C-alpha atoms as a PDB file:
ATOM      1  CA  UNK A   1      87.235 105.443 139.332  1.00  0.00           C
ATOM      2  CA  UNK A   2      89.416 107.358 136.885  1.00  0.00           C
ATOM      3  CA  UNK A   3      88.961 106.662 133.169  1.00  0.00           C
ATOM      4  CA  UNK A   4      91.899 105.098 131.374  1.00  0.00           C
ATOM      5  CA  UNK A   5      93.583 107.404 128.894  1.00  0.00           C
ATOM      6  CA  UNK A   6      93.942 106.267 125.315  1.00  0.00           C
ATOM      7  CA  UNK A   7      97.726 106.317 125.358  1.00  0.00           C
ATOM      8  CA  UNK A   8      98.052 104.152 128.450  1.00  0.00           C
ATOM      9  CA  UNK A   9      99.182 100.559 127.946  1.00  0.00           C
ATOM     10  CA  UNK A  10      96.495  97.921 128.430  1.00  0.00           C
ATOM     11  CA  UNK A  11      96.948  95.512 131.305  1.00  0.00           C
ATOM     12  CA  UNK A  12      96.951  92.500 128.986  1.00  0.00           C
ATOM     13  CA  UNK A  13      99.550  92.255 126.217  1.00  0.00           C
ATOM     14  CA  UNK A  14      98.098  92.503 122.719  1.00  0.00           C
ATOM     15  CA  UNK A  15      99.145  89.048 121.578  1.00  0.00           C
ATOM     16  CA  UNK A  16      97.314  88.186 118.378  1.00  0.00           C
ATOM     17  CA  UNK A  17      98.536  84.575 118.343  1.00  0.00           C
ATOM     18  CA  UNK A  18      96.487  83.483 121.344  1.00  0.00           C
ATOM     19  CA  UNK A  19      96.242  79.748 121.930  1.00  0.00           C
ATOM     20  CA  UNK A  20      92.738  78.842 123.019  1.00  0.00           C
ATOM     21  CA  UNK A  21      92.082  75.531 124.747  1.00  0.00           C
ATOM     22  CA  UNK A  22      88.854  73.775 125.651  1.00  0.00           C
ATOM     23  CA  UNK A  23      87.347  75.312 128.734  1.00  0.00           C
ATOM     24  CA  UNK A  24      84.384  74.400 130.965  1.00  0.00           C
ATOM     25  CA  UNK A  25      81.023  75.886 130.014  1.00  0.00           C
ATOM     26  CA  UNK A  26      79.040  77.491 132.810  1.00  0.00           C
ATOM     27  CA  UNK A  27      75.423  78.535 133.167  1.00  0.00           C
ATOM     28  CA  UNK A  28      75.672  81.323 135.720  1.00  0.00           C
ATOM     29  CA  UNK A  29      72.860  83.397 137.144  1.00  0.00           C
ATOM     30  CA  UNK A  30      72.410  86.328 134.714  1.00  0.00           C
ATOM     31  CA  UNK A  31      72.425  88.792 137.586  1.00  0.00           C
ATOM     32  CA  UNK A  32      75.459  87.352 139.391  1.00  0.00           C
ATOM     33  CA  UNK A  33      77.552  86.367 136.341  1.00  0.00           C
ATOM     34  CA  UNK A  34      80.704  84.246 136.473  1.00  0.00           C
ATOM     35  CA  UNK A  35      82.609  83.872 139.707  1.00  0.00           C
ATOM     36  CA  UNK A  36      86.193  85.109 140.021  1.00  0.00           C
ATOM     37  CA  UNK A  37      87.466  81.514 139.836  1.00  0.00           C
ATOM     38  CA  UNK A  38      85.485  80.820 136.663  1.00  0.00           C
ATOM     39  CA  UNK A  39      86.774  83.984 135.018  1.00  0.00           C
ATOM     40  CA  UNK A  40      90.342  83.032 135.907  1.00  0.00           C
ATOM     41  CA  UNK A  41      89.801  79.581 134.414  1.00  0.00           C
ATOM     42  CA  UNK A  42      88.670  81.143 131.146  1.00  0.00           C
ATOM     43  CA  UNK A  43      91.682  83.463 131.126  1.00  0.00           C
ATOM     44  CA  UNK A  44      94.099  80.593 131.678  1.00  0.00           C
ATOM     45  CA  UNK A  45      92.526  78.681 128.783  1.00  0.00           C
ATOM     46  CA  UNK A  46      93.041  81.659 126.457  1.00  0.00           C
ATOM     47  CA  UNK A  47      89.465  82.976 126.406  1.00  0.00           C
ATOM     48  CA  UNK A  48      90.248  86.596 127.209  1.00  0.00           C
ATOM     49  CA  UNK A  49      88.729  89.823 125.966  1.00  0.00           C
ATOM     50  CA  UNK A  50      91.619  90.451 123.603  1.00  0.00           C
ATOM     51  CA  UNK A  51      91.166  90.727 119.861  1.00  0.00           C
ATOM     52  CA  UNK A  52      92.398  87.638 118.034  1.00  0.00           C
ATOM     53  CA  UNK A  53      92.694  89.480 114.714  1.00  0.00           C
ATOM     54  CA  UNK A  54      95.182  92.244 114.014  1.00  0.00           C
ATOM     55  CA  UNK A  55      93.689  95.731 113.744  1.00  0.00           C
ATOM     56  CA  UNK A  56      93.604  97.560 110.431  1.00  0.00           C
ATOM     57  CA  UNK A  57      96.802  99.098 109.188  1.00  0.00           C
ATOM     58  CA  UNK A  58      97.532 102.683 110.103  1.00  0.00           C
ATOM     59  CA  UNK A  59      98.146 105.313 107.418  1.00  0.00           C
ATOM     60  CA  UNK A  60     101.896 105.237 108.150  1.00  0.00           C
ATOM     61  CA  UNK A  61     101.975 101.452 107.798  1.00  0.00           C
ATOM     62  CA  UNK A  62     100.107 101.614 104.476  1.00  0.00           C
ATOM     63  CA  UNK A  63     102.516 104.210 103.073  1.00  0.00           C
ATOM     64  CA  UNK A  64     105.597 102.360 104.359  1.00  0.00           C
ATOM     65  CA  UNK A  65     104.391  99.036 102.948  1.00  0.00           C
ATOM     66  CA  UNK A  66     103.817 100.455  99.462  1.00  0.00           C
ATOM     67  CA  UNK A  67     106.639 103.000  99.229  1.00  0.00           C
ATOM     68  CA  UNK A  68     109.541 101.411 101.087  1.00  0.00           C
ATOM     69  CA  UNK A  69     109.840  98.307  98.925  1.00  0.00           C
ATOM     70  CA  UNK A  70     112.888  96.466  97.644  1.00  0.00           C
ATOM     71  CA  UNK A  71     112.153  97.292  93.999  1.00  0.00           C
ATOM     72  CA  UNK A  72     111.512 100.969  94.718  1.00  0.00           C
ATOM     73  CA  UNK A  73     114.915 101.088  96.435  1.00  0.00           C
ATOM     74  CA  UNK A  74     116.588  99.617  93.347  1.00  0.00           C
ATOM     75  CA  UNK A  75     114.861 102.100  91.057  1.00  0.00           C
ATOM     76  CA  UNK A  76     115.801 104.979  93.362  1.00  0.00           C
ATOM     77  CA  UNK A  77     119.480 103.988  93.195  1.00  0.00           C
ATOM     78  CA  UNK A  78     119.258 103.692  89.398  1.00  0.00           C
ATOM     79  CA  UNK A  79     117.619 107.115  89.157  1.00  0.00           C
ATOM     80  CA  UNK A  80     120.368 108.705  91.276  1.00  0.00           C
ATOM     81  CA  UNK A  81     123.090 107.090  89.168  1.00  0.00           C
ATOM     82  CA  UNK A  82     121.434 108.237  85.940  1.00  0.00           C
ATOM     83  CA  UNK A  83     121.171 111.775  87.304  1.00  0.00           C
ATOM     84  CA  UNK A  84     124.853 111.742  88.264  1.00  0.00           C
ATOM     85  CA  UNK A  85     125.901 110.825  84.720  1.00  0.00           C
ATOM     86  CA  UNK A  86     123.417 113.270  83.186  1.00  0.00           C
ATOM     87  CA  UNK A  87     121.340 110.610  81.417  1.00  0.00           C
ATOM     88  CA  UNK A  88     117.989 112.220  82.116  1.00  0.00           C
ATOM     89  CA  UNK A  89     116.311 110.718  79.045  1.00  0.00           C
ATOM     90  CA  UNK A  90     116.562 107.282  80.644  1.00  0.00           C
ATOM     91  CA  UNK A  91     114.419 108.345  83.623  1.00  0.00           C
ATOM     92  CA  UNK A  92     111.181 107.553  81.788  1.00  0.00           C
ATOM     93  CA  UNK A  93     110.561 104.605  84.132  1.00  0.00           C
ATOM     94  CA  UNK A  94     109.957 106.943  87.105  1.00  0.00           C
ATOM     95  CA  UNK A  95     106.308 107.810  86.249  1.00  0.00           C
ATOM     96  CA  UNK A  96     105.530 104.098  86.042  1.00  0.00           C
ATOM     97  CA  UNK A  97     107.021 103.509  89.507  1.00  0.00           C
ATOM     98  CA  UNK A  98     105.104 106.443  90.962  1.00  0.00           C
ATOM     99  CA  UNK A  99     101.867 105.266  89.341  1.00  0.00           C
ATOM    100  CA  UNK A 100     102.314 101.704  90.635  1.00  0.00           C
ATOM    101  CA  UNK A 101     102.986 103.006  94.140  1.00  0.00           C
ATOM    102  CA  UNK A 102      99.832 105.132  94.052  1.00  0.00           C
ATOM    103  CA  UNK A 103      97.776 102.151  92.895  1.00  0.00           C
ATOM    104  CA  UNK A 104      99.181 100.103  95.780  1.00  0.00           C
ATOM    105  CA  UNK A 105      98.216 102.828  98.253  1.00  0.00           C
ATOM    106  CA  UNK A 106      94.713 103.073  96.833  1.00  0.00           C
ATOM    107  CA  UNK A 107      94.181  99.303  96.827  1.00  0.00           C
ATOM    108  CA  UNK A 108      95.349  98.942 100.427  1.00  0.00           C
ATOM    109  CA  UNK A 109      93.132 101.826 101.497  1.00  0.00           C
ATOM    110  CA  UNK A 110      90.128 100.294  99.729  1.00  0.00           C
ATOM    111  CA  UNK A 111      90.809  96.940 101.364  1.00  0.00           C
ATOM    112  CA  UNK A 112      90.911  98.546 104.813  1.00  0.00           C
ATOM    113  CA  UNK A 113      87.671 100.389 104.090  1.00  0.00           C
ATOM    114  CA  UNK A 114      85.930  97.172 103.040  1.00  0.00           C
ATOM    115  CA  UNK A 115      87.258  95.385 106.123  1.00  0.00           C
ATOM    116  CA  UNK A 116      85.880  98.145 108.336  1.00  0.00           C
ATOM    117  CA  UNK A 117      82.429  97.901 106.731  1.00  0.00           C
ATOM    118  CA  UNK A 118      82.456  94.111 107.093  1.00  0.00           C
ATOM    119  CA  UNK A 119      83.480  94.298 110.748  1.00  0.00           C
ATOM    120  CA  UNK A 120      80.688  96.805 111.405  1.00  0.00           C
ATOM    121  CA  UNK A 121      78.145  94.260 110.148  1.00  0.00           C
ATOM    122  CA  UNK A 122      76.763  96.382 107.283  1.00  0.00           C
ATOM    123  CA  UNK A 123      76.587  93.382 104.986  1.00  0.00           C
ATOM    124  CA  UNK A 124      74.104  94.834 102.464  1.00  0.00           C
ATOM    125  CA  UNK A 125      76.132  98.047 102.199  1.00  0.00           C
ATOM    126  CA  UNK A 126      79.223  95.914 101.690  1.00  0.00           C
ATOM    127  CA  UNK A 127      77.439  93.968  98.946  1.00  0.00           C
ATOM    128  CA  UNK A 128      76.423  97.181  97.193  1.00  0.00           C
ATOM    129  CA  UNK A 129      79.962  98.573  97.270  1.00  0.00           C
ATOM    130  CA  UNK A 130      81.650  95.319  96.245  1.00  0.00           C
ATOM    131  CA  UNK A 131      79.268  94.813  93.331  1.00  0.00           C
ATOM    132  CA  UNK A 132      79.785  98.379  92.115  1.00  0.00           C
ATOM    133  CA  UNK A 133      83.572  98.125  92.460  1.00  0.00           C
ATOM    134  CA  UNK A 134      83.579  95.149  90.110  1.00  0.00           C
ATOM    135  CA  UNK A 135      81.971  97.251  87.361  1.00  0.00           C
ATOM    136  CA  UNK A 136      83.926 100.503  87.586  1.00  0.00           C
ATOM    137  CA  UNK A 137      87.130  99.660  85.721  1.00  0.00           C
ATOM    138  CA  UNK A 138      86.421  96.119  84.469  1.00  0.00           C
ATOM    139  CA  UNK A 139      89.532  94.308  85.620  1.00  0.00           C
ATOM    140  CA  UNK A 140      91.479  97.399  86.689  1.00  0.00           C
ATOM    141  CA  UNK A 141      92.851  98.217  90.143  1.00  0.00           C
ATOM    142  CA  UNK A 142      89.461  98.919  91.767  1.00  0.00           C
ATOM    143  CA  UNK A 143      87.971  95.717  90.374  1.00  0.00           C
ATOM    144  CA  UNK A 144      91.017  93.747  91.522  1.00  0.00           C
ATOM    145  CA  UNK A 145      90.923  95.348  94.986  1.00  0.00           C
ATOM    146  CA  UNK A 146      87.387  94.022  95.455  1.00  0.00           C
ATOM    147  CA  UNK A 147      88.331  90.585  94.126  1.00  0.00           C
ATOM    148  CA  UNK A 148      91.417  90.298  96.343  1.00  0.00           C
ATOM    149  CA  UNK A 149      89.267  91.310  99.319  1.00  0.00           C
ATOM    150  CA  UNK A 150      86.841  88.505  98.463  1.00  0.00           C
ATOM    151  CA  UNK A 151      89.634  85.946  98.330  1.00  0.00           C
ATOM    152  CA  UNK A 152      90.822  87.213 101.692  1.00  0.00           C
ATOM    153  CA  UNK A 153      87.324  86.650 103.073  1.00  0.00           C
ATOM    154  CA  UNK A 154      87.402  83.041 101.857  1.00  0.00           C
ATOM    155  CA  UNK A 155      90.709  82.550 103.665  1.00  0.00           C
ATOM    156  CA  UNK A 156      89.211  84.104 106.797  1.00  0.00           C
ATOM    157  CA  UNK A 157      86.263  81.700 106.609  1.00  0.00           C
ATOM    158  CA  UNK A 158      88.635  78.729 106.318  1.00  0.00           C
ATOM    159  CA  UNK A 159      90.616  79.915 109.344  1.00  0.00           C
ATOM    160  CA  UNK A 160      87.450  80.415 111.389  1.00  0.00           C
ATOM    161  CA  UNK A 161      86.346  76.857 110.668  1.00  0.00           C
ATOM    162  CA  UNK A 162      89.805  75.541 111.494  1.00  0.00           C
ATOM    163  CA  UNK A 163      89.379  77.157 114.903  1.00  0.00           C
ATOM    164  CA  UNK A 164      86.074  75.376 115.506  1.00  0.00           C
ATOM    165  CA  UNK A 165      83.490  77.636 113.876  1.00  0.00           C
ATOM    166  CA  UNK A 166      80.643  76.020 111.965  1.00  0.00           C
ATOM    167  CA  UNK A 167      79.789  76.868 108.361  1.00  0.00           C
ATOM    168  CA  UNK A 168      76.449  78.219 109.588  1.00  0.00           C
ATOM    169  CA  UNK A 169      78.088  80.706 111.987  1.00  0.00           C
ATOM    170  CA  UNK A 170      77.300  84.346 111.059  1.00  0.00           C
ATOM    171  CA  UNK A 171      80.989  85.290 110.787  1.00  0.00           C
ATOM    172  CA  UNK A 172      81.643  82.479 108.299  1.00  0.00           C
ATOM    173  CA  UNK A 173      78.470  83.224 106.353  1.00  0.00           C
ATOM    174  CA  UNK A 174      79.456  86.903 106.072  1.00  0.00           C
ATOM    175  CA  UNK A 175      82.688  85.885 104.354  1.00  0.00           C
ATOM    176  CA  UNK A 176      80.854  83.758 101.799  1.00  0.00           C
ATOM    177  CA  UNK A 177      78.199  86.454 101.263  1.00  0.00           C
ATOM    178  CA  UNK A 178      80.935  88.963 100.392  1.00  0.00           C
ATOM    179  CA  UNK A 179      82.434  86.613  97.777  1.00  0.00           C
ATOM    180  CA  UNK A 180      78.991  86.030  96.265  1.00  0.00           C
ATOM    181  CA  UNK A 181      78.433  89.782  95.900  1.00  0.00           C
ATOM    182  CA  UNK A 182      81.770  90.130  94.144  1.00  0.00           C
ATOM    183  CA  UNK A 183      81.114  87.432  91.573  1.00  0.00           C
ATOM    184  CA  UNK A 184      77.575  88.532  90.764  1.00  0.00           C
ATOM    185  CA  UNK A 185      78.803  92.110  90.396  1.00  0.00           C
ATOM    186  CA  UNK A 186      81.455  90.980  87.940  1.00  0.00           C
ATOM    187  CA  UNK A 187      78.977  88.913  85.915  1.00  0.00           C
ATOM    188  CA  UNK A 188      76.517  91.767  85.361  1.00  0.00           C
ATOM    189  CA  UNK A 189      78.375  94.166  82.967  1.00  0.00           C
ATOM    190  CA  UNK A 190      78.944  91.762  80.024  1.00  0.00           C
ATOM    191  CA  UNK A 191      75.427  90.307  80.319  1.00  0.00           C
ATOM    192  CA  UNK A 192      73.787  93.719  80.623  1.00  0.00           C
ATOM    193  CA  UNK A 193      75.689  95.013  77.593  1.00  0.00           C
ATOM    194  CA  UNK A 194      74.793  91.912  75.569  1.00  0.00           C
ATOM    195  CA  UNK A 195      71.104  92.398  76.403  1.00  0.00           C
ATOM    196  CA  UNK A 196      71.335  96.062  75.436  1.00  0.00           C
ATOM    197  CA  UNK A 197      72.852  95.066  72.081  1.00  0.00           C
ATOM    198  CA  UNK A 198      69.801  92.892  71.450  1.00  0.00           C
ATOM    199  CA  UNK A 199      67.086  95.283  72.641  1.00  0.00           C
ATOM    200  CA  UNK A 200      68.685  98.613  71.677  1.00  0.00           C
ATOM    201  CA  UNK A 201      70.724  97.879  68.528  1.00  0.00           C
ATOM    202  CA  UNK A 202      70.808 101.538  67.423  1.00  0.00           C
ATOM    203  CA  UNK A 203      72.999 102.323  70.448  1.00  0.00           C
ATOM    204  CA  UNK A 204      75.865 100.153  69.184  1.00  0.00           C
ATOM    205  CA  UNK A 205      78.005  99.661  66.107  1.00  0.00           C
ATOM    206  CA  UNK A 206      77.786  96.530  63.983  1.00  0.00           C
ATOM    207  CA  UNK A 207      81.048  95.233  65.473  1.00  0.00           C
ATOM    208  CA  UNK A 208      79.742  95.803  69.001  1.00  0.00           C
ATOM    209  CA  UNK A 209      76.457  94.038  68.252  1.00  0.00           C
ATOM    210  CA  UNK A 210      78.336  91.073  66.820  1.00  0.00           C
ATOM    211  CA  UNK A 211      80.094  90.597  70.175  1.00  0.00           C
ATOM    212  CA  UNK A 212      76.914  90.046  72.169  1.00  0.00           C
ATOM    213  CA  UNK A 213      77.174  86.242  72.157  1.00  0.00           C
ATOM    214  CA  UNK A 214      80.781  86.318  73.347  1.00  0.00           C
ATOM    215  CA  UNK A 215      79.754  88.767  76.063  1.00  0.00           C
ATOM    216  CA  UNK A 216      77.059  86.366  77.234  1.00  0.00           C
ATOM    217  CA  UNK A 217      79.649  83.599  77.517  1.00  0.00           C
ATOM    218  CA  UNK A 218      82.166  85.839  79.283  1.00  0.00           C
ATOM    219  CA  UNK A 219      79.573  87.210  81.678  1.00  0.00           C
ATOM    220  CA  UNK A 220      78.340  83.728  82.552  1.00  0.00           C
ATOM    221  CA  UNK A 221      81.966  82.736  83.199  1.00  0.00           C
ATOM    222  CA  UNK A 222      82.632  85.732  85.502  1.00  0.00           C
ATOM    223  CA  UNK A 223      84.966  87.450  83.028  1.00  0.00           C
ATOM    224  CA  UNK A 224      84.129  91.133  83.421  1.00  0.00           C
ATOM    225  CA  UNK A 225      86.713  92.185  80.840  1.00  0.00           C
ATOM    226  CA  UNK A 226      84.195  91.527  78.064  1.00  0.00           C
ATOM    227  CA  UNK A 227      82.743  94.950  78.844  1.00  0.00           C
ATOM    228  CA  UNK A 228      86.064  96.795  78.437  1.00  0.00           C
ATOM    229  CA  UNK A 229      85.718  97.705  74.696  1.00  0.00           C
ATOM    230  CA  UNK A 230      82.307  99.238  75.341  1.00  0.00           C
ATOM    231  CA  UNK A 231      83.474 101.153  78.406  1.00  0.00           C
ATOM    232  CA  UNK A 232      86.583 102.366  76.589  1.00  0.00           C
ATOM    233  CA  UNK A 233      84.630 103.664  73.579  1.00  0.00           C
ATOM    234  CA  UNK A 234      81.977 105.489  75.629  1.00  0.00           C
ATOM    235  CA  UNK A 235      82.994 105.602  79.322  1.00  0.00           C
ATOM    236  CA  UNK A 236      80.708 108.463  80.377  1.00  0.00           C
ATOM    237  CA  UNK A 237      77.588 106.552  79.341  1.00  0.00           C
ATOM    238  CA  UNK A 238      78.561 102.898  79.763  1.00  0.00           C
ATOM    239  CA  UNK A 239      80.355 102.848  83.132  1.00  0.00           C
ATOM    240  CA  UNK A 240      77.526 104.506  85.148  1.00  0.00           C
ATOM    241  CA  UNK A 241      75.087 101.939  83.746  1.00  0.00           C
ATOM    242  CA  UNK A 242      77.253  98.932  84.576  1.00  0.00           C
ATOM    243  CA  UNK A 243      78.135 100.377  87.989  1.00  0.00           C
ATOM    244  CA  UNK A 244      74.479 100.813  89.003  1.00  0.00           C
ATOM    245  CA  UNK A 245      73.429  97.397  87.716  1.00  0.00           C
ATOM    246  CA  UNK A 246      76.319  95.573  89.385  1.00  0.00           C
ATOM    247  CA  UNK A 247      75.793  97.501  92.636  1.00  0.00           C
ATOM    248  CA  UNK A 248      72.107  96.524  92.715  1.00  0.00           C
ATOM    249  CA  UNK A 249      73.014  92.885  92.027  1.00  0.00           C
ATOM    250  CA  UNK A 250      75.539  92.890  94.876  1.00  0.00           C
ATOM    251  CA  UNK A 251      73.043  94.544  97.212  1.00  0.00           C
ATOM    252  CA  UNK A 252      70.293  92.020  96.406  1.00  0.00           C
ATOM    253  CA  UNK A 253      72.693  89.087  96.722  1.00  0.00           C
ATOM    254  CA  UNK A 254      73.663  90.223 100.223  1.00  0.00           C
ATOM    255  CA  UNK A 255      70.045  91.005 101.127  1.00  0.00           C
ATOM    256  CA  UNK A 256      68.970  87.487 100.138  1.00  0.00           C
ATOM    257  CA  UNK A 257      71.898  85.982 102.049  1.00  0.00           C
ATOM    258  CA  UNK A 258      73.407  84.315  98.983  1.00  0.00           C
ATOM    259  CA  UNK A 259      76.798  82.729  99.623  1.00  0.00           C
ATOM    260  CA  UNK A 260      79.679  81.543  97.459  1.00  0.00           C
ATOM    261  CA  UNK A 261      82.461  79.201  98.553  1.00  0.00           C
ATOM    262  CA  UNK A 262      84.533  79.341  95.339  1.00  0.00           C
ATOM    263  CA  UNK A 263      86.774  82.228  94.241  1.00  0.00           C
ATOM    264  CA  UNK A 264      85.932  82.075  90.525  1.00  0.00           C
ATOM    265  CA  UNK A 265      84.015  80.194  87.875  1.00  0.00           C
ATOM    266  CA  UNK A 266      80.690  81.908  87.182  1.00  0.00           C
ATOM    267  CA  UNK A 267      77.850  79.494  86.432  1.00  0.00           C
ATOM    268  CA  UNK A 268      80.304  76.594  86.600  1.00  0.00           C
ATOM    269  CA  UNK A 269      80.577  76.968  90.394  1.00  0.00           C
ATOM    270  CA  UNK A 270      76.875  77.571  91.075  1.00  0.00           C
ATOM    271  CA  UNK A 271      76.915  74.222  92.891  1.00  0.00           C
ATOM    272  CA  UNK A 272      78.765  76.031  95.705  1.00  0.00           C
ATOM    273  CA  UNK A 273      76.266  78.908  95.848  1.00  0.00           C
ATOM    274  CA  UNK A 274      73.928  79.151  98.809  1.00  0.00           C
ATOM    275  CA  UNK A 275      70.363  80.246  97.903  1.00  0.00           C
ATOM    276  CA  UNK A 276      71.085  79.831  94.154  1.00  0.00           C
ATOM    277  CA  UNK A 277      67.590  80.798  92.954  1.00  0.00           C
ATOM    278  CA  UNK A 278      67.750  84.267  94.510  1.00  0.00           C
ATOM    279  CA  UNK A 279      71.344  84.562  93.342  1.00  0.00           C
ATOM    280  CA  UNK A 280      70.179  84.119  89.767  1.00  0.00           C
ATOM    281  CA  UNK A 281      67.403  86.648  90.428  1.00  0.00           C
ATOM    282  CA  UNK A 282      69.969  89.159  91.709  1.00  0.00           C
ATOM    283  CA  UNK A 283      72.144  88.556  88.639  1.00  0.00           C
ATOM    284  CA  UNK A 284      69.171  88.928  86.276  1.00  0.00           C
ATOM    285  CA  UNK A 285      67.859  92.112  87.930  1.00  0.00           C
ATOM    286  CA  UNK A 286      71.296  93.765  87.835  1.00  0.00           C
ATOM    287  CA  UNK A 287      71.803  92.801  84.179  1.00  0.00           C
ATOM    288  CA  UNK A 288      68.378  94.074  83.111  1.00  0.00           C
ATOM    289  CA  UNK A 289      68.936  97.363  84.964  1.00  0.00           C
ATOM    290  CA  UNK A 290      72.255  97.788  83.147  1.00  0.00           C
ATOM    291  CA  UNK A 291      70.614  97.080  79.777  1.00  0.00           C
ATOM    292  CA  UNK A 292      67.709  99.471  80.397  1.00  0.00           C
ATOM    293  CA  UNK A 293      70.004 102.256  81.561  1.00  0.00           C
ATOM    294  CA  UNK A 294      72.143 101.809  78.454  1.00  0.00           C
ATOM    295  CA  UNK A 295      69.009 102.064  76.329  1.00  0.00           C
ATOM    296  CA  UNK A 296      68.049 105.320  78.028  1.00  0.00           C
ATOM    297  CA  UNK A 297      71.415 107.003  78.572  1.00  0.00           C
ATOM    298  CA  UNK A 298      73.570 105.895  75.654  1.00  0.00           C
ATOM    299  CA  UNK A 299      73.226 107.904  72.454  1.00  0.00           C
ATOM    300  CA  UNK A 300      72.411 106.353  69.106  1.00  0.00           C
ATOM    301  CA  UNK A 301      75.437 105.487  67.005  1.00  0.00           C
ATOM    302  CA  UNK A 302      75.864 107.126  63.602  1.00  0.00           C
ATOM    303  CA  UNK A 303      75.954 104.145  61.250  1.00  0.00           C
END
C-alpha cells in the first residue's frame, strides 16, 4: 500500500465545527475491534478521527494578522501623504507602529509556542515557562502574553465542559493548572523583593525598603507591577532573581497539580484553587528563592 503524500488532500474534509451527537457505546473484542457497521454509526454521529480544534497559525498567518491591519493601513496612507508634501518631521509615529507590530508578532508566536507545549502534555515544563514569563518584564508584553494564554485556557476549559467533559477530565485540569502557574508566577516577584528588603536591607535604598509593605499587598493581590521600580533600577541583578523564583513556583504548582478557576485576584480567589496548601508552598518557595538570590547577587547600595 502506497504511503499518502503530505500534500495530498485528506479523504475527510477538515471541518472544525463538527456536530457530535450521542452514539451507542460498544464493548468490542480488543483483538477484533469495532465492526464496519459500528464504525459507520460513529462516523454518522460525528465521532470521526478529525481534529475538533483548529491547528496553530502558520508563520504567514501570524504576519498577515499583525501587519495587515486596518490601523496599519491608515497609518501607511498618512505616511505616503506626508512624504508627498515633504512633511518628514511628522513621520515620528512610524517607529511606534513598527514597534507595536513587532510586539504583536512576538506575542502571537509565544502563544503558539505555549499552545504547542500544552498540547504535547509537558505540563510541568509549561508551568516553569509560564511562571518565568510572568517575572521577566513585570506587566510588559511577555508577561501579558502569558496572562492572555491563561485566560484562553480558562475559555477552553469552559468549552470542553459545555461539550460534556467533566471538571476532573485531564484536558480540563490542564487548563486550570496552566492558570494556576501563571498567577503564582506573578505573585512571586513583589513578595520575594519585600522579603529581601527585610532580610538584606543593605541591598536597597531607604525608599525601596519603605515599599516592602506595599509590595506584600500587591504580591498577595497578584499585581506583579510592584516589582517594576526595582527591576528598572537594577535589571541585570533583579530580573534574573525574580525569573528563577517565579519559574520554580510555576514548576512546583504544576508538579503538585494545583488548579485555578479564576483569572485574577491573588489570595482573594484562593477559594477556587485546587490543592491550596501545596499552592501556598509553591508560592512561598518561589518567593524565598527570589529573596535569597537577591541577597547573594544584588550589590550593596551606597547609602
